[in-house]
Amino acid sequence: MEKQEKSNFWQALGLAWELGYVIAIPIVVFGLLGRFLDKKFHSSPWLLLAGIIVSIAISSFGLVSKFKKMLKKIEDTSKTPPQNPNQESK
């Protein structure tokens, strides 16, 4: 594998890891919180469902935010012309 390919691989793996956290953490936290509150207030399964719905909204917002940052980075990279190492500075 070339150096650039390895770099792209690690960048993609890092992005996948971040997206996994953006999705998983809110679902676990709000799901467990909803379950705890359901047991405390004897309202099963309503607060669990509310927690899951809130976590889906938070995860969606996080994903949209990540994708916007990623698209901005891609646009900025594509606007910058590649530098030719053989070209002399004037």
PDB file of N, CA and C in Angstrom:
ATOM      1  N   MET A   1       0.829  -1.176   0.000  1.00  0.00           N
ATOM      2  CA  MET A   1       0.000   0.000   0.000  1.00  0.00           C
ATOM      3  C   MET A   1       0.878   1.246   0.000  1.00  0.00           C
ATOM      4  N   GLU A   2       0.498   2.212  -0.788  1.00  0.00           N
ATOM      5  CA  GLU A   2       1.235   3.465  -0.811  1.00  0.00           C
ATOM      6  C   GLU A   2       0.909   4.283   0.430  1.00  0.00           C
ATOM      7  N   LYS A   3       1.759   5.270   0.682  1.00  0.00           N
ATOM      8  CA  LYS A   3       1.567   6.122   1.860  1.00  0.00           C
ATOM      9  C   LYS A   3       0.219   6.840   1.815  1.00  0.00           C
ATOM     10  N   GLN A   4      -0.164   7.356   0.632  1.00  0.00           N
ATOM     11  CA  GLN A   4      -1.438   8.075   0.488  1.00  0.00           C
ATOM     12  C   GLN A   4      -2.621   7.134   0.734  1.00  0.00           C
ATOM     13  N   GLU A   5      -2.537   5.909   0.230  1.00  0.00           N
ATOM     14  CA  GLU A   5      -3.619   4.944   0.432  1.00  0.00           C
ATOM     15  C   GLU A   5      -3.769   4.592   1.909  1.00  0.00           C
ATOM     16  N   LYS A   6      -2.635   4.440   2.613  1.00  0.00           N
ATOM     17  CA  LYS A   6      -2.687   4.150   4.045  1.00  0.00           C
ATOM     18  C   LYS A   6      -3.312   5.314   4.799  1.00  0.00           C
ATOM     19  N   SER A   7      -2.935   6.523   4.404  1.00  0.00           N
ATOM     20  CA  SER A   7      -3.492   7.712   5.045  1.00  0.00           C
ATOM     21  C   SER A   7      -5.002   7.779   4.832  1.00  0.00           C
ATOM     22  N   ASN A   8      -5.452   7.526   3.611  1.00  0.00           N
ATOM     23  CA  ASN A   8      -6.888   7.529   3.321  1.00  0.00           C
ATOM     24  C   ASN A   8      -7.619   6.451   4.115  1.00  0.00           C
ATOM     25  N   PHE A   9      -6.994   5.292   4.239  1.00  0.00           N
ATOM     26  CA  PHE A   9      -7.590   4.197   5.007  1.00  0.00           C
ATOM     27  C   PHE A   9      -7.793   4.611   6.457  1.00  0.00           C
ATOM     28  N   TRP A  10      -6.766   5.194   7.072  1.00  0.00           N
ATOM     29  CA  TRP A  10      -6.865   5.589   8.475  1.00  0.00           C
ATOM     30  C   TRP A  10      -7.840   6.741   8.668  1.00  0.00           C
ATOM     31  N   GLN A  11      -7.916   7.639   7.695  1.00  0.00           N
ATOM     32  CA  GLN A  11      -8.893   8.725   7.778  1.00  0.00           C
ATOM     33  C   GLN A  11     -10.316   8.165   7.715  1.00  0.00           C
ATOM     34  N   ALA A  12     -10.543   7.226   6.817  1.00  0.00           N
ATOM     35  CA  ALA A  12     -11.870   6.615   6.690  1.00  0.00           C
ATOM     36  C   ALA A  12     -12.227   5.829   7.950  1.00  0.00           C
ATOM     37  N   LEU A  13     -11.262   5.117   8.484  1.00  0.00           N
ATOM     38  CA  LEU A  13     -11.499   4.355   9.709  1.00  0.00           C
ATOM     39  C   LEU A  13     -11.806   5.293  10.877  1.00  0.00           C
ATOM     40  N   GLY A  14     -11.086   6.395  10.960  1.00  0.00           N
ATOM     41  CA  GLY A  14     -11.341   7.384  12.009  1.00  0.00           C
ATOM     42  C   GLY A  14     -12.727   7.988  11.889  1.00  0.00           C
ATOM     43  N   LEU A  15     -13.137   8.289  10.664  1.00  0.00           N
ATOM     44  CA  LEU A  15     -14.470   8.846  10.439  1.00  0.00           C
ATOM     45  C   LEU A  15     -15.550   7.839  10.835  1.00  0.00           C
ATOM     46  N   ALA A  16     -15.370   6.586  10.449  1.00  0.00           N
ATOM     47  CA  ALA A  16     -16.341   5.547  10.808  1.00  0.00           C
ATOM     48  C   ALA A  16     -16.426   5.399  12.329  1.00  0.00           C
ATOM     49  N   TRP A  17     -15.291   5.475  12.991  1.00  0.00           N
ATOM     50  CA  TRP A  17     -15.249   5.369  14.449  1.00  0.00           C
ATOM     51  C   TRP A  17     -16.014   6.529  15.085  1.00  0.00           C
ATOM     52  N   GLU A  18     -15.773   7.753  14.600  1.00  0.00           N
ATOM     53  CA  GLU A  18     -16.468   8.932  15.125  1.00  0.00           C
ATOM     54  C   GLU A  18     -17.976   8.832  14.906  1.00  0.00           C
ATOM     55  N   LEU A  19     -18.374   8.408  13.721  1.00  0.00           N
ATOM     56  CA  LEU A  19     -19.805   8.293  13.429  1.00  0.00           C
ATOM     57  C   LEU A  19     -20.461   7.237  14.309  1.00  0.00           C
ATOM     58  N   GLY A  20     -19.735   6.167  14.587  1.00  0.00           N
ATOM     59  CA  GLY A  20     -20.252   5.147  15.494  1.00  0.00           C
ATOM     60  C   GLY A  20     -20.531   5.712  16.873  1.00  0.00           C
ATOM     61  N   TYR A  21     -19.604   6.530  17.355  1.00  0.00           N
ATOM     62  CA  TYR A  21     -19.813   7.166  18.659  1.00  0.00           C
ATOM     63  C   TYR A  21     -20.959   8.162  18.626  1.00  0.00           C
ATOM     64  N   VAL A  22     -21.069   8.920  17.547  1.00  0.00           N
ATOM     65  CA  VAL A  22     -22.145   9.912  17.429  1.00  0.00           C
ATOM     66  C   VAL A  22     -23.509   9.225  17.484  1.00  0.00           C
ATOM     67  N   ILE A  23     -23.593   8.017  16.958  1.00  0.00           N
ATOM     68  CA  ILE A  23     -24.859   7.280  16.954  1.00  0.00           C
ATOM     69  C   ILE A  23     -25.060   6.505  18.260  1.00  0.00           C
ATOM     70  N   ALA A  24     -24.034   5.797  18.716  1.00  0.00           N
ATOM     71  CA  ALA A  24     -24.193   4.859  19.828  1.00  0.00           C
ATOM     72  C   ALA A  24     -24.330   5.526  21.193  1.00  0.00           C
ATOM     73  N   ILE A  25     -23.529   6.538  21.461  1.00  0.00           N
ATOM     74  CA  ILE A  25     -23.530   7.122  22.809  1.00  0.00           C
ATOM     75  C   ILE A  25     -24.891   7.706  23.189  1.00  0.00           C
ATOM     76  N   PRO A  26     -25.524   8.534  22.346  1.00  0.00           N
ATOM     77  CA  PRO A  26     -26.846   9.047  22.746  1.00  0.00           C
ATOM     78  C   PRO A  26     -27.888   7.944  22.934  1.00  0.00           C
ATOM     79  N   ILE A  27     -27.856   6.916  22.088  1.00  0.00           N
ATOM     80  CA  ILE A  27     -28.838   5.838  22.218  1.00  0.00           C
ATOM     81  C   ILE A  27     -28.655   5.101  23.541  1.00  0.00           C
ATOM     82  N   VAL A  28     -27.420   4.795  23.888  1.00  0.00           N
ATOM     83  CA  VAL A  28     -27.169   4.092  25.149  1.00  0.00           C
ATOM     84  C   VAL A  28     -27.543   4.971  26.342  1.00  0.00           C
ATOM     85  N   VAL A  29     -27.074   6.220  26.335  1.00  0.00           N
ATOM     86  CA  VAL A  29     -27.318   7.105  27.481  1.00  0.00           C
ATOM     87  C   VAL A  29     -28.808   7.370  27.673  1.00  0.00           C
ATOM     88  N   PHE A  30     -29.492   7.796  26.618  1.00  0.00           N
ATOM     89  CA  PHE A  30     -30.907   8.140  26.769  1.00  0.00           C
ATOM     90  C   PHE A  30     -31.792   6.903  26.903  1.00  0.00           C
ATOM     91  N   GLY A  31     -31.379   5.789  26.312  1.00  0.00           N
ATOM     92  CA  GLY A  31     -32.125   4.549  26.505  1.00  0.00           C
ATOM     93  C   GLY A  31     -32.060   4.083  27.949  1.00  0.00           C
ATOM     94  N   LEU A  32     -30.853   4.098  28.524  1.00  0.00           N
ATOM     95  CA  LEU A  32     -30.713   3.701  29.929  1.00  0.00           C
ATOM     96  C   LEU A  32     -31.403   4.689  30.866  1.00  0.00           C
ATOM     97  N   LEU A  33     -31.303   5.975  30.552  1.00  0.00           N
ATOM     98  CA  LEU A  33     -31.983   6.981  31.367  1.00  0.00           C
ATOM     99  C   LEU A  33     -33.498   6.779  31.320  1.00  0.00           C
ATOM    100  N   GLY A  34     -34.032   6.533  30.132  1.00  0.00           N
ATOM    101  CA  GLY A  34     -35.466   6.279  29.995  1.00  0.00           C
ATOM    102  C   GLY A  34     -35.901   5.036  30.748  1.00  0.00           C
ATOM    103  N   ARG A  35     -35.089   4.000  30.686  1.00  0.00           N
ATOM    104  CA  ARG A  35     -35.412   2.757  31.403  1.00  0.00           C
ATOM    105  C   ARG A  35     -35.405   2.989  32.912  1.00  0.00           C
ATOM    106  N   PHE A  36     -34.378   3.710  33.380  1.00  0.00           N
ATOM    107  CA  PHE A  36     -34.290   4.020  34.810  1.00  0.00           C
ATOM    108  C   PHE A  36     -35.508   4.817  35.275  1.00  0.00           C
ATOM    109  N   LEU A  37     -35.868   5.839  34.505  1.00  0.00           N
ATOM    110  CA  LEU A  37     -37.014   6.674  34.879  1.00  0.00           C
ATOM    111  C   LEU A  37     -38.328   5.895  34.797  1.00  0.00           C
ATOM    112  N   ASP A  38     -38.436   4.980  33.833  1.00  0.00           N
ATOM    113  CA  ASP A  38     -39.633   4.129  33.746  1.00  0.00           C
ATOM    114  C   ASP A  38     -39.788   3.283  35.007  1.00  0.00           C
ATOM    115  N   LYS A  39     -38.681   2.717  35.487  1.00  0.00           N
ATOM    116  CA  LYS A  39     -38.755   1.897  36.702  1.00  0.00           C
ATOM    117  C   LYS A  39     -39.088   2.758  37.917  1.00  0.00           C
ATOM    118  N   LYS A  40     -38.527   3.971  37.949  1.00  0.00           N
ATOM    119  CA  LYS A  40     -38.758   4.848  39.097  1.00  0.00           C
ATOM    120  C   LYS A  40     -40.208   5.336  39.154  1.00  0.00           C
ATOM    121  N   PHE A  41     -40.756   5.706  37.995  1.00  0.00           N
ATOM    122  CA  PHE A  41     -42.104   6.270  37.954  1.00  0.00           C
ATOM    123  C   PHE A  41     -43.168   5.269  37.505  1.00  0.00           C
ATOM    124  N   HIS A  42     -42.791   4.005  37.286  1.00  0.00           N
ATOM    125  CA  HIS A  42     -43.718   2.947  36.862  1.00  0.00           C
ATOM    126  C   HIS A  42     -44.513   3.369  35.619  1.00  0.00           C
ATOM    127  N   SER A  43     -43.794   3.842  34.626  1.00  0.00           N
ATOM    128  CA  SER A  43     -44.453   4.334  33.403  1.00  0.00           C
ATOM    129  C   SER A  43     -43.999   3.571  32.164  1.00  0.00           C
ATOM    130  N   SER A  44     -43.540   2.354  32.358  1.00  0.00           N
ATOM    131  CA  SER A  44     -42.970   1.568  31.269  1.00  0.00           C
ATOM    132  C   SER A  44     -43.940   1.439  30.106  1.00  0.00           C
ATOM    133  N   PRO A  45     -43.551   1.530  28.903  1.00  0.00           N
ATOM    134  CA  PRO A  45     -42.269   1.802  28.261  1.00  0.00           C
ATOM    135  C   PRO A  45     -42.138   3.239  27.762  1.00  0.00           C
ATOM    136  N   TRP A  46     -42.962   4.153  28.253  1.00  0.00           N
ATOM    137  CA  TRP A  46     -43.079   5.478  27.642  1.00  0.00           C
ATOM    138  C   TRP A  46     -41.817   6.320  27.748  1.00  0.00           C
ATOM    139  N   LEU A  47     -41.172   6.336  28.885  1.00  0.00           N
ATOM    140  CA  LEU A  47     -39.967   7.156  29.014  1.00  0.00           C
ATOM    141  C   LEU A  47     -38.785   6.534  28.271  1.00  0.00           C
ATOM    142  N   LEU A  48     -38.766   5.208  28.186  1.00  0.00           N
ATOM    143  CA  LEU A  48     -37.749   4.549  27.364  1.00  0.00           C
ATOM    144  C   LEU A  48     -37.915   4.958  25.905  1.00  0.00           C
ATOM    145  N   LEU A  49     -39.144   4.922  25.421  1.00  0.00           N
ATOM    146  CA  LEU A  49     -39.402   5.333  24.035  1.00  0.00           C
ATOM    147  C   LEU A  49     -39.070   6.805  23.822  1.00  0.00           C
ATOM    148  N   ALA A  50     -39.400   7.641  24.796  1.00  0.00           N
ATOM    149  CA  ALA A  50     -39.063   9.064  24.691  1.00  0.00           C
ATOM    150  C   ALA A  50     -37.551   9.249  24.648  1.00  0.00           C
ATOM    151  N   GLY A  51     -36.830   8.492  25.466  1.00  0.00           N
ATOM    152  CA  GLY A  51     -35.369   8.565  25.464  1.00  0.00           C
ATOM    153  C   GLY A  51     -34.780   8.141  24.132  1.00  0.00           C
ATOM    154  N   ILE A  52     -35.338   7.099  23.548  1.00  0.00           N
ATOM    155  CA  ILE A  52     -34.847   6.632  22.247  1.00  0.00           C
ATOM    156  C   ILE A  52     -35.142   7.663  21.163  1.00  0.00           C
ATOM    157  N   ILE A  53     -36.320   8.272  21.210  1.00  0.00           N
ATOM    158  CA  ILE A  53     -36.663   9.298  20.217  1.00  0.00           C
ATOM    159  C   ILE A  53     -35.733  10.502  20.349  1.00  0.00           C
ATOM    160  N   VAL A  54     -35.466  10.924  21.581  1.00  0.00           N
ATOM    161  CA  VAL A  54     -34.539  12.042  21.799  1.00  0.00           C
ATOM    162  C   VAL A  54     -33.145  11.675  21.299  1.00  0.00           C
ATOM    163  N   SER A  55     -32.719  10.448  21.561  1.00  0.00           N
ATOM    164  CA  SER A  55     -31.384  10.028  21.120  1.00  0.00           C
ATOM    165  C   SER A  55     -31.285   9.975  19.598  1.00  0.00           C
ATOM    166  N   ILE A  56     -32.352   9.587  18.930  1.00  0.00           N
ATOM    167  CA  ILE A  56     -32.347   9.579  17.464  1.00  0.00           C
ATOM    168  C   ILE A  56     -32.223  11.001  16.937  1.00  0.00           C
ATOM    169  N   ALA A  57     -32.926  11.936  17.570  1.00  0.00           N
ATOM    170  CA  ALA A  57     -32.829  13.340  17.151  1.00  0.00           C
ATOM    171  C   ALA A  57     -31.416  13.874  17.366  1.00  0.00           C
ATOM    172  N   ILE A  58     -30.829  13.581  18.514  1.00  0.00           N
ATOM    173  CA  ILE A  58     -29.472  14.049  18.803  1.00  0.00           C
ATOM    174  C   ILE A  58     -28.472  13.409  17.846  1.00  0.00           C
ATOM    175  N   SER A  59     -28.608  12.115  17.593  1.00  0.00           N
ATOM    176  CA  SER A  59     -27.709  11.427  16.659  1.00  0.00           C
ATOM    177  C   SER A  59     -27.842  11.998  15.255  1.00  0.00           C
ATOM    178  N   SER A  60     -29.059  12.276  14.834  1.00  0.00           N
ATOM    179  CA  SER A  60     -29.276  12.854  13.501  1.00  0.00           C
ATOM    180  C   SER A  60     -28.612  14.217  13.393  1.00  0.00           C
ATOM    181  N   PHE A  61     -28.786  15.045  14.416  1.00  0.00           N
ATOM    182  CA  PHE A  61     -28.146  16.359  14.428  1.00  0.00           C
ATOM    183  C   PHE A  61     -26.625  16.214  14.372  1.00  0.00           C
ATOM    184  N   GLY A  62     -26.079  15.277  15.146  1.00  0.00           N
ATOM    185  CA  GLY A  62     -24.633  15.036  15.144  1.00  0.00           C
ATOM    186  C   GLY A  62     -24.124  14.563  13.800  1.00  0.00           C
ATOM    187  N   LEU A  63     -24.875  13.675  13.152  1.00  0.00           N
ATOM    188  CA  LEU A  63     -24.471  13.181  11.835  1.00  0.00           C
ATOM    189  C   LEU A  63     -24.492  14.292  10.794  1.00  0.00           C
ATOM    190  N   VAL A  64     -25.541  15.104  10.806  1.00  0.00           N
ATOM    191  CA  VAL A  64     -25.628  16.214   9.852  1.00  0.00           C
ATOM    192  C   VAL A  64     -24.471  17.174  10.066  1.00  0.00           C
ATOM    193  N   SER A  65     -24.164  17.462  11.315  1.00  0.00           N
ATOM    194  CA  SER A  65     -23.054  18.357  11.632  1.00  0.00           C
ATOM    195  C   SER A  65     -21.729  17.787  11.126  1.00  0.00           C
ATOM    196  N   LYS A  66     -21.491  16.505  11.365  1.00  0.00           N
ATOM    197  CA  LYS A  66     -20.259  15.855  10.891  1.00  0.00           C
ATOM    198  C   LYS A  66     -20.162  15.898   9.371  1.00  0.00           C
ATOM    199  N   PHE A  67     -21.271  15.596   8.685  1.00  0.00           N
ATOM    200  CA  PHE A  67     -21.248  15.588   7.228  1.00  0.00           C
ATOM    201  C   PHE A  67     -21.025  16.979   6.659  1.00  0.00           C
ATOM    202  N   LYS A  68     -21.593  18.004   7.299  1.00  0.00           N
ATOM    203  CA  LYS A  68     -21.361  19.373   6.834  1.00  0.00           C
ATOM    204  C   LYS A  68     -19.886  19.740   6.958  1.00  0.00           C
ATOM    205  N   LYS A  69     -19.272  19.382   8.090  1.00  0.00           N
ATOM    206  CA  LYS A  69     -17.845  19.655   8.274  1.00  0.00           C
ATOM    207  C   LYS A  69     -17.015  18.903   7.239  1.00  0.00           C
ATOM    208  N   MET A  70     -17.396  17.655   6.977  1.00  0.00           N
ATOM    209  CA  MET A  70     -16.660  16.846   6.019  1.00  0.00           C
ATOM    210  C   MET A  70     -16.787  17.425   4.611  1.00  0.00           C
ATOM    211  N   LEU A  71     -17.989  17.837   4.217  1.00  0.00           N
ATOM    212  CA  LEU A  71     -18.189  18.428   2.891  1.00  0.00           C
ATOM    213  C   LEU A  71     -17.436  19.744   2.755  1.00  0.00           C
ATOM    214  N   LYS A  72     -17.409  20.541   3.815  1.00  0.00           N
ATOM    215  CA  LYS A  72     -16.662  21.801   3.796  1.00  0.00           C
ATOM    216  C   LYS A  72     -15.181  21.523   3.591  1.00  0.00           C
ATOM    217  N   LYS A  73     -14.664  20.513   4.279  1.00  0.00           N
ATOM    218  CA  LYS A  73     -13.254  20.149   4.145  1.00  0.00           C
ATOM    219  C   LYS A  73     -12.950  19.679   2.725  1.00  0.00           C
ATOM    220  N   ILE A  74     -13.854  18.901   2.140  1.00  0.00           N
ATOM    221  CA  ILE A  74     -13.661  18.420   0.769  1.00  0.00           C
ATOM    222  C   ILE A  74     -13.692  19.585  -0.206  1.00  0.00           C
ATOM    223  N   GLU A  75     -14.628  20.518  -0.018  1.00  0.00           N
ATOM    224  CA  GLU A  75     -14.704  21.691  -0.899  1.00  0.00           C
ATOM    225  C   GLU A  75     -13.441  22.532  -0.800  1.00  0.00           C
ATOM    226  N   ASP A  76     -12.947  22.751   0.413  1.00  0.00           N
ATOM    227  CA  ASP A  76     -11.727  23.536   0.593  1.00  0.00           C
ATOM    228  C   ASP A  76     -10.530  22.850  -0.051  1.00  0.00           C
ATOM    229  N   THR A  77     -10.472  21.534   0.051  1.00  0.00           N
ATOM    230  CA  THR A  77      -9.373  20.778  -0.545  1.00  0.00           C
ATOM    231  C   THR A  77      -9.436  20.832  -2.065  1.00  0.00           C
ATOM    232  N   SER A  78     -10.644  20.749  -2.628  1.00  0.00           N
ATOM    233  CA  SER A  78     -10.769  20.743  -4.089  1.00  0.00           C
ATOM    234  C   SER A  78     -10.513  22.127  -4.682  1.00  0.00           C
ATOM    235  N   LYS A  79     -10.697  23.197  -3.910  1.00  0.00           N
ATOM    236  CA  LYS A  79     -10.431  24.544  -4.415  1.00  0.00           C
ATOM    237  C   LYS A  79      -8.941  24.841  -4.477  1.00  0.00           C
ATOM    238  N   THR A  80      -8.166  24.216  -3.621  1.00  0.00           N
ATOM    239  CA  THR A  80      -6.727  24.437  -3.600  1.00  0.00           C
ATOM    240  C   THR A  80      -6.089  23.588  -4.692  1.00  0.00           C
ATOM    241  N   PRO A  81      -5.422  24.225  -5.669  1.00  0.00           N
ATOM    242  CA  PRO A  81      -4.792  23.435  -6.726  1.00  0.00           C
ATOM    243  C   PRO A  81      -3.609  22.649  -6.162  1.00  0.00           C
ATOM    244  N   PRO A  82      -3.403  21.445  -6.668  1.00  0.00           N
ATOM    245  CA  PRO A  82      -2.269  20.656  -6.188  1.00  0.00           C
ATOM    246  C   PRO A  82      -0.960  21.330  -6.578  1.00  0.00           C
ATOM    247  N   GLN A  83       0.008  21.262  -5.694  1.00  0.00           N
ATOM    248  CA  GLN A  83       1.301  21.878  -5.968  1.00  0.00           C
ATOM    249  C   GLN A  83       2.181  20.893  -6.708  1.00  0.00           C
ATOM    250  N   ASN A  84       2.841  21.394  -7.731  1.00  0.00           N
ATOM    251  CA  ASN A  84       3.752  20.584  -8.517  1.00  0.00           C
ATOM    252  C   ASN A  84       5.143  20.727  -7.914  1.00  0.00           C
ATOM    253  N   PRO A  85       5.743  19.648  -7.430  1.00  0.00           N
ATOM    254  CA  PRO A  85       7.063  19.754  -6.806  1.00  0.00           C
ATOM    255  C   PRO A  85       8.159  20.116  -7.811  1.00  0.00           C
ATOM    256  N   ASN A  86       7.928  19.908  -9.099  1.00  0.00           N
ATOM    257  CA  ASN A  86       8.927  20.218 -10.123  1.00  0.00           C
ATOM    258  C   ASN A  86       8.909  21.683 -10.522  1.00  0.00           C
ATOM    259  N   GLN A  87       7.875  22.403 -10.117  1.00  0.00           N
ATOM    260  CA  GLN A  87       7.731  23.798 -10.501  1.00  0.00           C
ATOM    261  C   GLN A  87       8.566  24.665  -9.561  1.00  0.00           C
ATOM    262  N   GLU A  88       9.324  25.587 -10.150  1.00  0.00           N
ATOM    263  CA  GLU A  88      10.183  26.452  -9.348  1.00  0.00           C
ATOM    264  C   GLU A  88       9.397  27.646  -8.847  1.00  0.00           C
ATOM    265  N   SER A  89       9.745  28.126  -7.649  1.00  0.00           N
ATOM    266  CA  SER A  89       9.110  29.324  -7.105  1.00  0.00           C
ATOM    267  C   SER A  89       9.664  30.549  -7.789  1.00  0.00           C
ATOM    268  N   LYS A  90       8.805  31.537  -8.038  1.00  0.00           N
ATOM    269  CA  LYS A  90       9.248  32.760  -8.704  1.00  0.00           C
ATOM    270  C   LYS A  90       9.195  33.913  -7.759  1.00  0.00           C
TER     271      LYS A  90
END
